[in-house]
Amino acid sequence: MKVITLNCNGIRSAARKGFYEWMRAQDADIVCLQETKAQEHQLPLEAAAVSHYTAVFLDAERRGYSGVAIYARREPDSVIRGLGWPDFDPDARYLQLNFGNLSVVSLYVPSRERRSCAPGRQRNLSRTFLWRARTFKEYGALVHHRRRFQCGAP
């Protein structure tokens, strides 16, 4: 199985720079994207036109902010959008596709250097998110008896 992950720093910008041609040439089974920075209705036409892939996007409530996506050659059995954490889910940082006993996750962790948020609050969000993500990763797989492939950080 070939899996690629990419922080695209804006899917529209990446598309203008040839992302979709590059993606097709990679011939990956799964492509995880972080920091898509677009609402679904703002996506370039190429986003939906990638043949042989199912695309699942998770958009942040705030336009032009964060967001994650996964392209997969196979249709997922189920999709989990977010973790059920009110502090993080509006930012669209966690997307999970389940295929049988395998879960593939595209995760975008907030940066501590971000200036759009008060430094103390951002640092606290980053620490909390990292702790919760590690806990979820370590114990979630055991509880649910699933294999997990996590793209992004940490």
N, C-alpha and C. Protein backbone atom coordinates (compact mmCIF):
# COMPACT_ATOMS: atom_id res chain seq x y z
N MET A 1 0.84 -1.18 0.00
CA MET A 1 0.00 0.00 0.00
C MET A 1 0.89 1.24 0.00
N LYS A 2 0.61 2.15 -0.91
CA LYS A 2 1.38 3.39 -0.99
C LYS A 2 0.53 4.53 -0.45
N VAL A 3 1.04 5.19 0.61
CA VAL A 3 0.35 6.29 1.26
C VAL A 3 1.24 7.53 1.19
N ILE A 4 0.66 8.64 0.83
CA ILE A 4 1.37 9.92 0.76
C ILE A 4 0.64 10.90 1.66
N THR A 5 1.41 11.72 2.38
CA THR A 5 0.82 12.79 3.16
C THR A 5 1.48 14.10 2.77
N LEU A 6 0.69 15.18 2.77
CA LEU A 6 1.20 16.47 2.34
C LEU A 6 0.46 17.58 3.06
N ASN A 7 1.22 18.50 3.64
CA ASN A 7 0.64 19.74 4.12
C ASN A 7 0.64 20.66 2.90
N CYS A 8 -0.52 20.84 2.30
CA CYS A 8 -0.58 21.55 1.02
C CYS A 8 -0.64 23.06 1.18
N ASN A 9 -0.79 23.56 2.40
CA ASN A 9 -0.81 25.01 2.66
C ASN A 9 -1.76 25.72 1.70
N GLY A 10 -2.95 25.14 1.55
CA GLY A 10 -3.98 25.70 0.67
C GLY A 10 -4.15 24.87 -0.59
N ILE A 11 -5.25 24.15 -0.69
CA ILE A 11 -5.48 23.24 -1.81
C ILE A 11 -5.66 24.01 -3.12
N ARG A 12 -6.24 25.20 -3.07
CA ARG A 12 -6.42 25.98 -4.31
C ARG A 12 -5.07 26.43 -4.85
N SER A 13 -4.20 26.88 -3.97
CA SER A 13 -2.86 27.28 -4.38
C SER A 13 -2.08 26.08 -4.91
N ALA A 14 -2.18 24.96 -4.21
CA ALA A 14 -1.49 23.73 -4.64
C ALA A 14 -1.98 23.29 -6.02
N ALA A 15 -3.28 23.42 -6.26
CA ALA A 15 -3.84 23.03 -7.56
C ALA A 15 -3.26 23.90 -8.68
N ARG A 16 -3.13 25.19 -8.41
CA ARG A 16 -2.55 26.10 -9.42
C ARG A 16 -1.09 25.75 -9.71
N LYS A 17 -0.43 25.14 -8.75
CA LYS A 17 0.99 24.79 -8.91
C LYS A 17 1.18 23.36 -9.42
N GLY A 18 0.08 22.70 -9.83
CA GLY A 18 0.19 21.37 -10.44
C GLY A 18 0.04 20.20 -9.48
N PHE A 19 -0.56 20.41 -8.33
CA PHE A 19 -0.70 19.34 -7.35
C PHE A 19 -1.40 18.11 -7.91
N TYR A 20 -2.51 18.30 -8.63
CA TYR A 20 -3.29 17.14 -9.08
C TYR A 20 -2.56 16.32 -10.15
N GLU A 21 -1.80 16.99 -10.99
CA GLU A 21 -0.99 16.24 -11.96
C GLU A 21 0.07 15.43 -11.22
N TRP A 22 0.70 16.06 -10.23
CA TRP A 22 1.70 15.37 -9.41
C TRP A 22 1.09 14.18 -8.69
N MET A 23 -0.10 14.39 -8.11
CA MET A 23 -0.78 13.31 -7.38
C MET A 23 -1.07 12.12 -8.28
N ARG A 24 -1.58 12.38 -9.47
CA ARG A 24 -1.86 11.28 -10.41
C ARG A 24 -0.58 10.51 -10.74
N ALA A 25 0.52 11.21 -10.91
CA ALA A 25 1.79 10.57 -11.25
C ALA A 25 2.33 9.71 -10.11
N GLN A 26 1.96 10.01 -8.87
CA GLN A 26 2.44 9.24 -7.71
C GLN A 26 1.79 7.87 -7.63
N ASP A 27 0.59 7.72 -8.19
CA ASP A 27 -0.13 6.45 -8.20
C ASP A 27 -0.26 5.85 -6.80
N ALA A 28 -0.60 6.70 -5.83
CA ALA A 28 -0.74 6.25 -4.43
C ALA A 28 -2.12 5.65 -4.20
N ASP A 29 -2.20 4.77 -3.21
CA ASP A 29 -3.49 4.20 -2.81
C ASP A 29 -4.27 5.19 -1.96
N ILE A 30 -3.54 5.95 -1.13
CA ILE A 30 -4.15 6.93 -0.24
C ILE A 30 -3.29 8.19 -0.23
N VAL A 31 -3.96 9.35 -0.30
CA VAL A 31 -3.27 10.63 -0.20
C VAL A 31 -3.98 11.43 0.89
N CYS A 32 -3.23 11.75 1.95
CA CYS A 32 -3.77 12.53 3.06
C CYS A 32 -3.27 13.97 2.93
N LEU A 33 -4.17 14.92 3.07
CA LEU A 33 -3.81 16.33 2.98
C LEU A 33 -4.13 17.04 4.29
N GLN A 34 -3.26 17.95 4.66
CA GLN A 34 -3.51 18.80 5.80
C GLN A 34 -3.44 20.26 5.35
N GLU A 35 -4.12 21.11 6.07
CA GLU A 35 -4.16 22.55 5.82
C GLU A 35 -4.68 22.85 4.41
N THR A 36 -5.87 22.31 4.10
CA THR A 36 -6.47 22.54 2.79
C THR A 36 -6.98 23.98 2.63
N LYS A 37 -7.37 24.60 3.72
CA LYS A 37 -7.76 26.03 3.75
C LYS A 37 -8.85 26.39 2.76
N ALA A 38 -9.85 25.55 2.58
CA ALA A 38 -10.95 25.87 1.66
C ALA A 38 -12.22 25.16 2.11
N GLN A 39 -13.33 25.82 1.90
CA GLN A 39 -14.63 25.20 2.08
C GLN A 39 -14.88 24.32 0.86
N GLU A 40 -15.71 23.32 0.99
CA GLU A 40 -15.92 22.38 -0.11
C GLU A 40 -16.40 23.08 -1.39
N HIS A 41 -17.27 24.08 -1.25
CA HIS A 41 -17.77 24.78 -2.44
C HIS A 41 -16.70 25.66 -3.10
N GLN A 42 -15.55 25.88 -2.42
CA GLN A 42 -14.46 26.68 -2.98
C GLN A 42 -13.39 25.82 -3.66
N LEU A 43 -13.54 24.52 -3.60
CA LEU A 43 -12.51 23.63 -4.14
C LEU A 43 -12.40 23.78 -5.65
N PRO A 44 -11.19 23.64 -6.17
CA PRO A 44 -11.03 23.68 -7.62
C PRO A 44 -11.72 22.47 -8.26
N LEU A 45 -12.12 22.61 -9.52
CA LEU A 45 -12.81 21.51 -10.20
C LEU A 45 -11.99 20.23 -10.19
N GLU A 46 -10.66 20.36 -10.23
CA GLU A 46 -9.79 19.18 -10.24
C GLU A 46 -9.95 18.34 -8.97
N ALA A 47 -10.38 18.96 -7.89
CA ALA A 47 -10.51 18.25 -6.61
C ALA A 47 -11.50 17.10 -6.70
N ALA A 48 -12.57 17.28 -7.46
CA ALA A 48 -13.58 16.24 -7.60
C ALA A 48 -13.34 15.36 -8.81
N ALA A 49 -12.45 15.79 -9.70
CA ALA A 49 -12.27 15.08 -10.96
C ALA A 49 -11.07 14.14 -10.98
N VAL A 50 -10.53 13.79 -9.84
CA VAL A 50 -9.40 12.87 -9.81
C VAL A 50 -9.95 11.46 -9.98
N SER A 51 -9.72 10.88 -11.15
CA SER A 51 -10.31 9.58 -11.44
C SER A 51 -9.72 8.49 -10.56
N HIS A 52 -10.52 7.52 -10.27
CA HIS A 52 -10.17 6.35 -9.47
C HIS A 52 -9.94 6.66 -8.00
N TYR A 53 -10.35 7.83 -7.53
CA TYR A 53 -10.21 8.17 -6.12
C TYR A 53 -11.54 8.62 -5.55
N THR A 54 -11.77 8.27 -4.30
CA THR A 54 -12.86 8.82 -3.52
C THR A 54 -12.24 9.92 -2.67
N ALA A 55 -12.81 11.11 -2.68
CA ALA A 55 -12.28 12.23 -1.92
C ALA A 55 -13.22 12.55 -0.76
N VAL A 56 -12.63 12.71 0.42
CA VAL A 56 -13.40 13.14 1.59
C VAL A 56 -12.68 14.37 2.16
N PHE A 57 -13.39 15.48 2.23
CA PHE A 57 -12.84 16.73 2.75
C PHE A 57 -13.54 17.09 4.05
N LEU A 58 -12.78 17.68 4.96
CA LEU A 58 -13.34 18.20 6.21
C LEU A 58 -12.94 19.67 6.28
N ASP A 59 -13.93 20.56 6.23
CA ASP A 59 -13.69 22.00 6.16
C ASP A 59 -13.83 22.63 7.54
N ALA A 60 -12.98 23.61 7.81
CA ALA A 60 -13.10 24.39 9.04
C ALA A 60 -14.30 25.32 8.92
N GLU A 61 -14.88 25.66 10.05
CA GLU A 61 -15.99 26.62 10.03
C GLU A 61 -15.51 27.98 9.54
N ARG A 62 -14.31 28.34 9.91
CA ARG A 62 -13.72 29.63 9.51
C ARG A 62 -13.13 29.48 8.11
N ARG A 63 -13.54 30.31 7.19
CA ARG A 63 -13.07 30.23 5.80
C ARG A 63 -11.56 30.47 5.72
N GLY A 64 -10.90 29.70 4.83
CA GLY A 64 -9.48 29.88 4.60
C GLY A 64 -8.60 29.42 5.74
N TYR A 65 -9.11 28.49 6.55
CA TYR A 65 -8.40 28.08 7.76
C TYR A 65 -8.33 26.56 7.86
N SER A 66 -7.21 26.04 8.22
CA SER A 66 -6.93 24.61 8.45
C SER A 66 -7.66 23.70 7.46
N GLY A 67 -8.26 22.62 7.91
CA GLY A 67 -8.94 21.67 7.03
C GLY A 67 -8.05 20.50 6.65
N VAL A 68 -8.66 19.33 6.50
CA VAL A 68 -7.95 18.11 6.12
C VAL A 68 -8.76 17.37 5.06
N ALA A 69 -8.08 16.46 4.36
CA ALA A 69 -8.75 15.67 3.33
C ALA A 69 -8.02 14.35 3.15
N ILE A 70 -8.74 13.38 2.60
CA ILE A 70 -8.13 12.10 2.23
C ILE A 70 -8.69 11.68 0.88
N TYR A 71 -7.79 11.32 -0.03
CA TYR A 71 -8.15 10.69 -1.30
C TYR A 71 -7.81 9.21 -1.15
N ALA A 72 -8.73 8.33 -1.52
CA ALA A 72 -8.50 6.89 -1.40
C ALA A 72 -9.00 6.19 -2.66
N ARG A 73 -8.26 5.19 -3.08
CA ARG A 73 -8.67 4.41 -4.26
C ARG A 73 -9.92 3.58 -3.98
N ARG A 74 -10.09 3.20 -2.72
CA ARG A 74 -11.23 2.39 -2.30
C ARG A 74 -12.23 3.24 -1.54
N GLU A 75 -13.49 2.95 -1.72
CA GLU A 75 -14.54 3.62 -0.95
C GLU A 75 -14.41 3.19 0.51
N PRO A 76 -14.38 4.12 1.47
CA PRO A 76 -14.27 3.71 2.88
C PRO A 76 -15.56 3.06 3.38
N ASP A 77 -15.40 2.19 4.38
CA ASP A 77 -16.57 1.59 5.03
C ASP A 77 -17.30 2.63 5.87
N SER A 78 -16.52 3.52 6.48
CA SER A 78 -17.11 4.60 7.28
C SER A 78 -16.14 5.76 7.38
N VAL A 79 -16.68 6.92 7.76
CA VAL A 79 -15.91 8.15 7.87
C VAL A 79 -16.19 8.78 9.23
N ILE A 80 -15.13 9.22 9.91
CA ILE A 80 -15.26 9.94 11.18
C ILE A 80 -14.69 11.33 10.96
N ARG A 81 -15.53 12.34 11.14
CA ARG A 81 -15.13 13.74 10.96
C ARG A 81 -15.02 14.39 12.32
N GLY A 82 -13.79 14.59 12.79
CA GLY A 82 -13.56 15.21 14.09
C GLY A 82 -13.53 14.16 15.19
N LEU A 83 -13.18 14.63 16.38
CA LEU A 83 -13.05 13.74 17.54
C LEU A 83 -14.14 13.95 18.58
N GLY A 84 -15.06 14.88 18.31
CA GLY A 84 -16.08 15.17 19.30
C GLY A 84 -15.57 16.11 20.38
N TRP A 85 -14.53 16.87 20.08
CA TRP A 85 -13.97 17.84 21.02
C TRP A 85 -14.37 19.24 20.57
N PRO A 86 -15.25 19.90 21.30
CA PRO A 86 -15.76 21.20 20.87
C PRO A 86 -14.68 22.27 20.65
N ASP A 87 -13.55 22.17 21.35
CA ASP A 87 -12.49 23.15 21.18
C ASP A 87 -11.74 22.99 19.87
N PHE A 88 -11.76 21.80 19.28
CA PHE A 88 -10.94 21.53 18.09
C PHE A 88 -11.74 21.22 16.84
N ASP A 89 -12.88 20.59 16.97
CA ASP A 89 -13.61 20.14 15.79
C ASP A 89 -14.01 21.26 14.82
N PRO A 90 -14.35 22.48 15.28
CA PRO A 90 -14.67 23.54 14.31
C PRO A 90 -13.49 23.91 13.40
N ASP A 91 -12.26 23.57 13.82
CA ASP A 91 -11.08 23.86 13.01
C ASP A 91 -10.77 22.76 11.98
N ALA A 92 -11.53 21.68 11.98
CA ALA A 92 -11.39 20.61 10.99
C ALA A 92 -9.97 20.08 10.92
N ARG A 93 -9.53 19.45 12.00
CA ARG A 93 -8.15 18.98 12.10
C ARG A 93 -8.03 17.46 12.14
N TYR A 94 -9.13 16.73 12.16
CA TYR A 94 -9.07 15.26 12.27
C TYR A 94 -10.10 14.62 11.36
N LEU A 95 -9.61 13.79 10.45
CA LEU A 95 -10.48 13.05 9.53
C LEU A 95 -10.00 11.60 9.50
N GLN A 96 -10.92 10.67 9.68
CA GLN A 96 -10.57 9.24 9.72
C GLN A 96 -11.45 8.47 8.74
N LEU A 97 -10.81 7.69 7.89
CA LEU A 97 -11.51 6.78 7.00
C LEU A 97 -11.22 5.36 7.45
N ASN A 98 -12.26 4.55 7.55
CA ASN A 98 -12.12 3.16 7.98
C ASN A 98 -12.32 2.22 6.80
N PHE A 99 -11.37 1.30 6.68
CA PHE A 99 -11.40 0.27 5.64
C PHE A 99 -11.22 -1.07 6.35
N GLY A 100 -12.29 -1.83 6.55
CA GLY A 100 -12.16 -3.08 7.30
C GLY A 100 -11.61 -2.79 8.68
N ASN A 101 -10.48 -3.43 9.02
CA ASN A 101 -9.87 -3.26 10.33
C ASN A 101 -8.78 -2.17 10.33
N LEU A 102 -8.68 -1.40 9.25
CA LEU A 102 -7.67 -0.36 9.13
C LEU A 102 -8.32 1.02 9.18
N SER A 103 -7.75 1.90 9.99
CA SER A 103 -8.18 3.30 10.04
C SER A 103 -7.05 4.16 9.50
N VAL A 104 -7.37 5.05 8.57
CA VAL A 104 -6.41 6.01 8.03
C VAL A 104 -6.85 7.39 8.50
N VAL A 105 -5.91 8.12 9.11
CA VAL A 105 -6.22 9.42 9.71
C VAL A 105 -5.39 10.50 9.06
N SER A 106 -6.04 11.61 8.73
CA SER A 106 -5.34 12.83 8.33
C SER A 106 -5.53 13.81 9.48
N LEU A 107 -4.40 14.20 10.07
CA LEU A 107 -4.42 15.02 11.29
C LEU A 107 -3.61 16.28 11.07
N TYR A 108 -4.17 17.42 11.43
CA TYR A 108 -3.45 18.69 11.36
C TYR A 108 -3.43 19.30 12.74
N VAL A 109 -2.24 19.37 13.32
CA VAL A 109 -2.07 19.89 14.68
C VAL A 109 -1.77 21.38 14.61
N PRO A 110 -2.40 22.17 15.49
CA PRO A 110 -2.14 23.61 15.47
C PRO A 110 -0.69 23.92 15.80
N SER A 111 -0.19 24.95 15.12
CA SER A 111 1.19 25.39 15.35
C SER A 111 1.23 26.37 16.51
N ARG A 112 2.26 26.27 17.32
CA ARG A 112 2.41 27.20 18.44
C ARG A 112 2.84 28.58 17.96
N GLU A 113 3.38 28.67 16.77
CA GLU A 113 3.86 29.95 16.27
C GLU A 113 2.76 30.79 15.63
N ARG A 114 1.59 30.24 15.53
CA ARG A 114 0.49 30.93 14.85
C ARG A 114 0.21 32.28 15.51
N ARG A 115 0.14 33.34 14.73
CA ARG A 115 -0.07 34.67 15.29
C ARG A 115 -1.54 35.09 15.29
N SER A 116 -2.39 34.29 14.66
CA SER A 116 -3.80 34.65 14.57
C SER A 116 -4.53 34.41 15.88
N CYS A 117 -3.84 33.88 16.85
CA CYS A 117 -4.45 33.52 18.13
C CYS A 117 -3.53 34.01 19.24
N ALA A 118 -4.09 34.36 20.37
CA ALA A 118 -3.26 34.78 21.51
C ALA A 118 -2.26 33.68 21.84
N PRO A 119 -0.97 34.02 22.01
CA PRO A 119 0.07 33.00 22.22
C PRO A 119 -0.23 32.02 23.35
N GLY A 120 -0.71 32.49 24.46
CA GLY A 120 -1.01 31.59 25.58
C GLY A 120 -2.11 30.61 25.24
N ARG A 121 -3.17 31.09 24.60
CA ARG A 121 -4.28 30.20 24.21
C ARG A 121 -3.81 29.18 23.18
N GLN A 122 -3.02 29.63 22.18
CA GLN A 122 -2.54 28.71 21.14
C GLN A 122 -1.65 27.64 21.74
N ARG A 123 -0.75 28.03 22.63
CA ARG A 123 0.15 27.07 23.28
C ARG A 123 -0.67 26.03 24.05
N ASN A 124 -1.69 26.50 24.76
CA ASN A 124 -2.55 25.59 25.51
C ASN A 124 -3.31 24.65 24.59
N LEU A 125 -3.84 25.19 23.48
CA LEU A 125 -4.55 24.35 22.52
C LEU A 125 -3.61 23.29 21.94
N SER A 126 -2.39 23.71 21.59
CA SER A 126 -1.42 22.76 21.02
C SER A 126 -1.09 21.66 22.00
N ARG A 127 -0.79 22.01 23.23
CA ARG A 127 -0.46 20.99 24.24
C ARG A 127 -1.63 20.04 24.48
N THR A 128 -2.81 20.61 24.63
CA THR A 128 -4.00 19.78 24.87
C THR A 128 -4.25 18.87 23.69
N PHE A 129 -4.17 19.43 22.47
CA PHE A 129 -4.43 18.63 21.28
C PHE A 129 -3.42 17.50 21.15
N LEU A 130 -2.13 17.81 21.35
CA LEU A 130 -1.10 16.78 21.26
C LEU A 130 -1.32 15.68 22.29
N TRP A 131 -1.65 16.07 23.51
CA TRP A 131 -1.89 15.07 24.55
C TRP A 131 -3.08 14.19 24.18
N ARG A 132 -4.15 14.83 23.75
CA ARG A 132 -5.35 14.06 23.39
C ARG A 132 -5.10 13.17 22.17
N ALA A 133 -4.37 13.70 21.18
CA ALA A 133 -4.08 12.91 19.97
C ALA A 133 -3.24 11.69 20.32
N ARG A 134 -2.23 11.86 21.17
CA ARG A 134 -1.40 10.71 21.57
C ARG A 134 -2.24 9.69 22.33
N THR A 135 -3.06 10.19 23.25
CA THR A 135 -3.91 9.30 24.03
C THR A 135 -4.85 8.54 23.11
N PHE A 136 -5.47 9.26 22.19
CA PHE A 136 -6.40 8.63 21.26
C PHE A 136 -5.69 7.59 20.41
N LYS A 137 -4.51 7.96 19.94
CA LYS A 137 -3.74 7.05 19.08
C LYS A 137 -3.35 5.79 19.84
N GLU A 138 -2.81 5.94 21.05
CA GLU A 138 -2.31 4.80 21.81
C GLU A 138 -3.42 3.90 22.33
N TYR A 139 -4.46 4.51 22.89
CA TYR A 139 -5.50 3.71 23.53
C TYR A 139 -6.68 3.41 22.61
N GLY A 140 -6.94 4.29 21.67
CA GLY A 140 -8.05 4.06 20.75
C GLY A 140 -7.87 2.80 19.94
N ALA A 141 -6.66 2.56 19.46
CA ALA A 141 -6.40 1.36 18.66
C ALA A 141 -6.57 0.10 19.49
N LEU A 142 -6.19 0.15 20.76
CA LEU A 142 -6.34 -1.02 21.62
C LEU A 142 -7.81 -1.30 21.91
N VAL A 143 -8.53 -0.25 22.24
CA VAL A 143 -9.94 -0.42 22.60
C VAL A 143 -10.75 -0.92 21.41
N HIS A 144 -10.46 -0.40 20.25
CA HIS A 144 -11.25 -0.74 19.06
C HIS A 144 -10.63 -1.86 18.23
N HIS A 145 -9.49 -2.37 18.65
CA HIS A 145 -8.80 -3.47 17.94
C HIS A 145 -8.64 -3.16 16.46
N ARG A 146 -8.16 -1.96 16.20
CA ARG A 146 -7.98 -1.52 14.82
C ARG A 146 -6.51 -1.24 14.55
N ARG A 147 -6.12 -1.43 13.31
CA ARG A 147 -4.81 -0.95 12.86
C ARG A 147 -5.02 0.50 12.45
N ARG A 148 -4.06 1.36 12.79
CA ARG A 148 -4.20 2.79 12.49
C ARG A 148 -2.99 3.27 11.70
N PHE A 149 -3.25 4.08 10.69
CA PHE A 149 -2.21 4.73 9.92
C PHE A 149 -2.52 6.21 10.01
N GLN A 150 -1.66 6.95 10.73
CA GLN A 150 -1.91 8.36 10.98
C GLN A 150 -0.95 9.22 10.18
N CYS A 151 -1.51 10.15 9.41
CA CYS A 151 -0.70 11.08 8.61
C CYS A 151 -0.85 12.47 9.19
N GLY A 152 0.20 13.25 9.07
CA GLY A 152 0.22 14.57 9.67
C GLY A 152 1.09 14.49 10.90
N ALA A 153 0.78 15.28 11.89
CA ALA A 153 1.59 15.29 13.12
C ALA A 153 0.69 15.13 14.32
N PRO A 154 1.15 14.64 15.38
CA PRO A 154 2.41 13.99 15.69
C PRO A 154 2.31 12.54 15.32
